[in-house]
Protein backbone atom coordinates (compact mmCIF):
# COMPACT_ATOMS: atom_id res chain seq x y z
CA MET A 1 172.94 -155.74 57.98
CA ASP A 2 169.72 -156.12 55.91
CA VAL A 3 169.50 -158.39 52.87
CA TYR A 4 166.59 -158.06 50.42
CA VAL A 5 165.64 -160.62 47.81
CA CYS A 6 162.97 -159.98 45.15
CA PHE A 7 160.70 -162.98 44.47
CA VAL A 8 157.54 -162.57 42.33
CA GLY A 9 157.11 -159.00 43.47
CA VAL A 10 157.48 -159.84 47.16
CA PHE A 11 160.45 -158.57 49.12
CA LEU A 12 161.90 -160.97 51.63
CA ALA A 13 164.07 -159.41 54.28
CA ARG A 14 166.33 -160.57 57.03
CA GLY A 15 166.88 -158.34 59.95
CA SER A 16 164.94 -156.88 62.79
CA ASP A 17 164.74 -153.23 61.76
CA LEU A 18 162.28 -153.39 58.84
CA PRO A 19 160.20 -150.41 57.82
CA ALA A 20 156.40 -150.71 58.24
CA ASP A 21 155.70 -151.05 54.50
CA GLN A 22 158.14 -153.96 54.21
CA LYS A 23 156.62 -155.62 57.28
CA MET A 24 153.26 -155.45 55.49
CA ILE A 25 154.83 -157.07 52.44
CA MET A 26 156.32 -159.81 54.59
CA ASN A 27 152.90 -160.48 56.13
CA SER A 28 151.32 -160.79 52.67
CA ARG A 29 153.85 -163.41 51.54
CA PRO A 30 151.64 -166.46 52.41
CA LEU A 31 148.76 -164.92 50.47
CA CYS A 32 150.99 -164.35 47.43
CA LEU A 33 152.33 -167.90 47.60
CA PHE A 34 148.77 -169.21 47.85
CA LEU A 35 147.70 -167.18 44.81
CA VAL A 36 150.69 -168.43 42.81
CA ALA A 37 149.84 -172.02 43.81
CA VAL A 38 146.18 -171.56 42.80
CA LEU A 39 147.22 -170.06 39.48
CA GLY A 40 149.61 -172.93 38.79
CA LEU A 41 146.98 -175.50 39.76
CA SER A 42 144.46 -173.79 37.48
CA PHE A 43 146.81 -174.08 34.53
CA ALA A 44 147.58 -177.71 35.42
CA LEU A 45 143.88 -178.59 35.47
CA PHE A 46 142.25 -176.32 32.91
CA GLY A 47 145.05 -175.39 30.49
CA ASP A 48 145.45 -176.68 26.93
CA LYS A 49 147.57 -179.55 28.21
CA GLY A 50 145.84 -179.87 31.58
CA ALA A 51 144.39 -182.89 33.29
CA LEU A 52 140.84 -182.25 32.10
CA ARG A 53 141.95 -181.93 28.49
CA LEU A 54 143.97 -185.14 28.85
CA HIS A 55 140.87 -186.93 30.13
CA GLN A 56 138.81 -185.65 27.17
CA VAL A 57 141.45 -186.77 24.69
CA ARG A 58 141.60 -190.24 26.26
CA GLN A 59 137.82 -190.59 26.04
CA TYR A 60 137.87 -189.45 22.40
CA ARG A 61 140.65 -191.95 21.66
CA ALA A 62 138.67 -194.79 23.28
CA GLY A 63 135.68 -193.88 21.12
CA LEU A 64 137.82 -193.91 17.99
CA GLN A 65 139.31 -197.28 18.93
CA LEU A 66 135.80 -198.70 19.36
CA GLU A 67 134.76 -197.30 15.98
CA VAL A 68 137.87 -198.77 14.34
CA GLN A 69 137.06 -202.21 15.80
CA GLN A 70 133.47 -201.98 14.56
CA LEU A 71 134.71 -201.05 11.08
CA ARG A 72 137.15 -203.97 11.10
CA ASP A 73 134.33 -206.35 12.03
CA SER A 74 132.15 -204.91 9.28
CA ASN A 75 134.97 -205.24 6.73
CA LEU A 76 135.47 -208.88 7.72
CA ARG A 77 131.76 -209.61 7.21
CA LEU A 78 131.81 -207.87 3.82
CA ARG A 79 134.95 -209.75 2.72
CA THR A 80 133.30 -213.03 3.73
CA GLU A 81 130.18 -212.12 1.74
CA VAL A 82 132.24 -211.12 -1.32
CA ASP A 83 134.11 -214.41 -1.16
CA ALA A 84 130.83 -216.33 -0.88
CA LEU A 85 129.36 -214.41 -3.84
CA GLN A 86 132.41 -215.21 -5.94
CA HIS A 87 132.72 -218.91 -5.08
CA ASP A 88 129.58 -220.35 -3.45
CA ASP A 89 126.75 -221.14 -5.89
CA ARG A 90 124.28 -221.97 -3.11
CA TYR A 91 124.88 -218.58 -1.46
CA ILE A 92 124.41 -216.82 -4.81
CA GLU A 93 121.08 -218.64 -5.23
CA GLN A 94 120.05 -217.74 -1.69
CA VAL A 95 120.79 -214.05 -2.31
CA ALA A 96 119.00 -214.09 -5.66
CA ARG A 97 115.91 -215.69 -4.12
CA GLY A 98 115.89 -213.58 -0.96
CA ARG A 99 116.86 -210.13 -2.15
CA LEU A 100 115.84 -210.24 -5.80
CA SER A 101 112.78 -212.53 -5.55
CA PHE A 102 114.07 -214.91 -8.22
CA VAL A 103 112.43 -218.31 -8.66
CA ARG A 104 113.50 -221.45 -10.43
CA GLU A 105 111.91 -222.49 -13.63
CA GLY A 106 108.76 -224.48 -12.94
CA GLU A 107 108.29 -223.20 -9.37
CA LEU A 108 104.97 -221.71 -8.34
CA VAL A 109 104.89 -218.51 -6.35
CA TYR A 110 101.98 -217.93 -4.02
CA GLN A 111 101.34 -214.35 -3.00
CA PHE A 112 99.01 -213.58 -0.16
CA ASN A 113 97.44 -210.24 0.57
CA PRO A 114 97.93 -209.11 4.13
CA ARG A 115 94.89 -209.31 6.32
CA THR A 116 93.09 -206.07 6.94
CA ARG A 117 91.11 -205.67 10.15
């Protein structure tokens, strides 16, 4: 008695009296299984949710986390400067002198021309 089972287009048969075309199909079974495995592996690696995409997303996430930390550090520096500008008279004077070139009353300002060679 012969029993045939259809699996991904390949007929598997039990019995000794197989026709020649079915023997050829049985001999091609390892090749078909290999092709199915390669196709599955391709999707696992290169698909939308594959391993390579996962690696790219993790790298992108690490970059974003680094950027967030840099922005937090910058915000902290700016908050510290705002607090100093609101409450520290010496810092206000330092900023006015440094950035705005302010001088106190009675101070002399010496300006030198750069040397030309």
